[in-house]
Amino acid sequence: MLGGMSSASREKTLILMRHAKAEEGPGKPDHDRELAARGRRDAKAAGKWLHAEGLVPDLVICSTAHRTRQTWEEACRGGAHTEFVEFRRSVYLGGSEQTLETVREDGGDTSTVLVVGHNPTMAQLTSLLTDGEGSREAHEALGQGFVTSGLAVLRYAGDWADLDLGSCELTRFHVSRGHDD
């Protein structure tokens, strides 16, 4: 192997997260829609779950939409943490191919990347990348729908630049729901 890297050092985690519940925004541009009160609670719960599971992204790639930014902010209030957040319009505008390309380009040497995005892209990308591989329980949970505040945790061995369809395993699928404080 190049540079004597062990295969363990190539183990990567990709977390695909759908933004939390947003307000219904008649008359408001889609990009500007904000989180509903339930969405704020759910996003905070997602942050608690990420923290409890020891899932700490080296990089967060977040859609530029207001509701995705707020989702990550609330997740951080719940205990999630990262050093770097990049806001990418490609995750807002693009489908699964553009989002995949963004991860390939931005991933660099990081071991854990979390993408905060939208459906149907998050569901499609999860299905395309895992192609049924991984935990049956996680796939069954995903089969119920990639609902708001859903988190798909994928395992990948390789360089981000080589991330391709069918190259990951779905290890977990979790839906975060917060409670009224």
Protein backbone atom coordinates (compact mmCIF):
# COMPACT_ATOMS: atom_id res chain seq x y z
CA MET A 1 0.00 0.00 0.00
CA LEU A 2 1.08 3.56 -0.59
CA GLY A 3 3.15 5.07 2.19
CA GLY A 4 2.65 2.03 4.41
CA MET A 5 -0.85 3.14 5.39
CA SER A 6 -2.79 0.45 7.15
CA SER A 7 -6.28 -0.34 5.97
CA ALA A 8 -7.57 0.82 9.37
CA SER A 9 -6.41 4.35 8.64
CA ARG A 10 -8.57 4.31 5.52
CA GLU A 11 -11.74 3.49 7.44
CA LYS A 12 -14.15 6.37 7.00
CA THR A 13 -17.55 7.32 8.34
CA LEU A 14 -20.08 9.26 6.30
CA ILE A 15 -23.14 10.56 8.13
CA LEU A 16 -26.03 11.76 6.00
CA MET A 17 -28.51 13.87 7.95
CA ARG A 18 -31.81 15.26 6.79
CA HIS A 19 -32.62 18.68 8.20
CA ALA A 20 -35.10 18.88 11.06
CA LYS A 21 -38.80 19.78 10.68
CA ALA A 22 -39.19 23.15 8.98
CA GLU A 23 -42.01 25.64 9.11
CA GLU A 24 -44.50 25.56 6.29
CA GLY A 25 -43.61 28.78 4.55
CA PRO A 26 -46.31 30.10 2.27
CA GLY A 27 -44.98 33.16 0.50
CA LYS A 28 -41.46 32.56 1.83
CA PRO A 29 -38.69 31.40 -0.53
CA ASP A 30 -37.84 27.72 0.11
CA HIS A 31 -34.19 28.56 0.83
CA ASP A 32 -35.27 30.89 3.69
CA ARG A 33 -37.64 28.53 5.52
CA GLU A 34 -36.76 28.16 9.20
CA LEU A 35 -37.06 25.29 11.63
CA ALA A 36 -40.32 24.77 13.44
CA ALA A 37 -40.22 24.51 17.25
CA ARG A 38 -40.39 20.71 16.93
CA GLY A 39 -37.52 20.85 14.44
CA ARG A 40 -35.32 22.72 16.93
CA ARG A 41 -36.03 20.08 19.60
CA ASP A 42 -35.39 17.21 17.18
CA ALA A 43 -32.13 18.71 15.90
CA LYS A 44 -30.91 19.18 19.48
CA ALA A 45 -31.81 15.52 20.16
CA ALA A 46 -29.80 14.55 17.06
CA GLY A 47 -26.81 16.38 18.52
CA LYS A 48 -27.23 14.51 21.81
CA TRP A 49 -27.37 11.20 19.91
CA LEU A 50 -24.25 11.99 17.85
CA HIS A 51 -22.40 12.92 21.04
CA ALA A 52 -23.59 9.80 22.90
CA GLU A 53 -22.56 7.58 19.97
CA GLY A 54 -19.10 9.19 19.80
CA LEU A 55 -19.73 10.36 16.25
CA VAL A 56 -17.61 13.49 15.89
CA PRO A 57 -17.32 14.72 12.30
CA ASP A 58 -14.01 16.21 11.20
CA LEU A 59 -16.00 18.13 8.61
CA VAL A 60 -19.64 19.12 8.26
CA ILE A 61 -20.86 19.90 4.75
CA CYS A 62 -24.10 21.82 5.13
CA SER A 63 -26.61 22.99 2.57
CA THR A 64 -26.84 26.78 2.41
CA ALA A 65 -30.58 26.68 3.23
CA HIS A 66 -31.58 28.39 6.46
CA ARG A 67 -33.22 25.25 7.91
CA THR A 68 -30.10 23.12 7.41
CA ARG A 69 -27.87 25.76 9.04
CA GLN A 70 -30.29 25.91 11.98
CA THR A 71 -30.36 22.10 12.17
CA TRP A 72 -26.58 21.99 12.66
CA GLU A 73 -26.65 24.91 15.14
CA GLU A 74 -29.27 23.11 17.25
CA ALA A 75 -27.37 19.80 16.97
CA CYS A 76 -24.33 21.60 18.42
CA ARG A 77 -26.48 22.87 21.29
CA GLY A 78 -27.32 19.21 21.91
CA GLY A 79 -23.66 18.19 22.08
CA ALA A 80 -22.54 17.64 18.47
CA HIS A 81 -19.17 19.17 17.60
CA THR A 82 -16.89 19.75 14.65
CA GLU A 83 -13.88 21.86 13.80
CA PHE A 84 -14.95 22.72 10.27
CA VAL A 85 -18.27 23.55 8.63
CA GLU A 86 -18.54 24.28 4.92
CA PHE A 87 -21.75 25.64 3.46
CA ARG A 88 -22.33 24.33 -0.06
CA ARG A 89 -25.02 25.52 -2.42
CA SER A 90 -24.49 22.26 -4.35
CA VAL A 91 -26.06 20.36 -1.43
CA TYR A 92 -29.10 22.65 -1.59
CA LEU A 93 -29.51 22.79 -5.36
CA GLY A 94 -28.06 19.51 -6.49
CA GLY A 95 -29.27 15.96 -6.32
CA SER A 96 -27.38 12.89 -5.19
CA GLU A 97 -24.69 13.12 -7.91
CA GLN A 98 -23.77 16.73 -7.05
CA THR A 99 -23.80 16.00 -3.32
CA LEU A 100 -21.60 12.94 -3.85
CA GLU A 101 -19.20 15.06 -5.92
CA THR A 102 -19.08 17.66 -3.12
CA VAL A 103 -18.12 14.98 -0.57
CA ARG A 104 -15.42 13.67 -2.95
CA GLU A 105 -13.98 17.16 -3.39
CA ASP A 106 -14.27 18.42 0.19
CA GLY A 107 -13.51 15.26 2.18
CA GLY A 108 -9.73 15.53 1.92
CA ASP A 109 -7.89 13.59 4.63
CA THR A 110 -10.76 13.63 7.11
CA SER A 111 -12.04 10.37 8.56
CA THR A 112 -15.61 11.43 9.38
CA VAL A 113 -17.81 13.67 7.23
CA LEU A 114 -21.38 14.68 8.07
CA VAL A 115 -23.65 16.13 5.40
CA VAL A 116 -26.72 18.13 6.45
CA GLY A 117 -29.07 18.13 3.48
CA HIS A 118 -32.52 17.56 2.07
CA ASN A 119 -34.75 14.81 0.79
CA PRO A 120 -35.09 13.10 -1.57
CA THR A 121 -31.30 13.52 -1.97
CA MET A 122 -30.29 12.11 1.43
CA ALA A 123 -32.44 8.98 0.96
CA GLN A 124 -31.30 8.44 -2.65
CA LEU A 125 -27.64 8.95 -1.79
CA THR A 126 -27.86 6.51 1.14
CA SER A 127 -29.43 3.86 -1.09
CA LEU A 128 -27.01 4.43 -3.97
CA LEU A 129 -23.90 4.34 -1.78
CA THR A 130 -24.89 1.28 0.26
CA ASP A 131 -26.75 -0.75 -2.36
CA GLY A 132 -28.33 -2.90 0.36
CA GLU A 133 -25.02 -3.58 2.14
CA GLY A 134 -24.67 -3.34 5.90
CA SER A 135 -27.02 -3.77 8.83
CA ARG A 136 -30.36 -5.30 7.90
CA GLU A 137 -31.92 -3.54 10.89
CA ALA A 138 -30.61 -0.17 9.67
CA HIS A 139 -31.92 -0.82 6.14
CA GLU A 140 -35.33 -1.78 7.52
CA ALA A 141 -35.44 1.45 9.57
CA LEU A 142 -34.43 3.44 6.50
CA GLY A 143 -37.17 1.64 4.56
CA GLN A 144 -39.72 3.36 6.82
CA GLY A 145 -38.63 6.64 5.23
CA PHE A 146 -35.77 9.12 5.60
CA VAL A 147 -37.81 11.49 7.74
CA THR A 148 -36.74 14.86 9.16
CA SER A 149 -33.85 14.59 11.65
CA GLY A 150 -32.97 11.19 10.23
CA LEU A 151 -29.30 10.16 10.36
CA ALA A 152 -27.76 7.46 8.18
CA VAL A 153 -24.32 6.30 9.33
CA LEU A 154 -22.26 4.70 6.56
CA ARG A 155 -18.91 2.95 6.75
CA TYR A 156 -16.47 3.34 3.88
CA ALA A 157 -12.90 2.14 3.33
CA GLY A 158 -10.95 4.27 0.90
CA ASP A 159 -10.22 7.83 -0.07
CA TRP A 160 -13.10 10.31 -0.30
CA ALA A 161 -12.09 11.14 -3.86
CA ASP A 162 -12.89 7.52 -4.80
CA LEU A 163 -16.27 7.35 -3.01
CA ASP A 164 -18.64 5.63 -5.41
CA LEU A 165 -22.01 3.97 -5.69
CA GLY A 166 -22.20 0.70 -3.79
CA SER A 167 -18.93 1.36 -1.92
CA CYS A 168 -20.39 1.82 1.59
CA GLU A 169 -22.20 -0.17 4.26
CA LEU A 170 -25.12 1.27 6.20
CA THR A 171 -24.27 0.63 9.86
CA ARG A 172 -27.05 2.61 11.55
CA PHE A 173 -30.14 4.63 10.79
CA HIS A 174 -31.49 6.79 13.58
CA VAL A 175 -34.40 9.22 13.79
CA SER A 176 -34.00 11.88 16.47
CA ARG A 177 -37.06 13.16 18.27
CA GLY A 178 -36.79 15.77 21.01
CA HIS A 179 -39.18 16.41 23.85
CA ASP A 180 -40.64 19.59 25.24
CA ASP A 181 -38.35 20.84 27.97
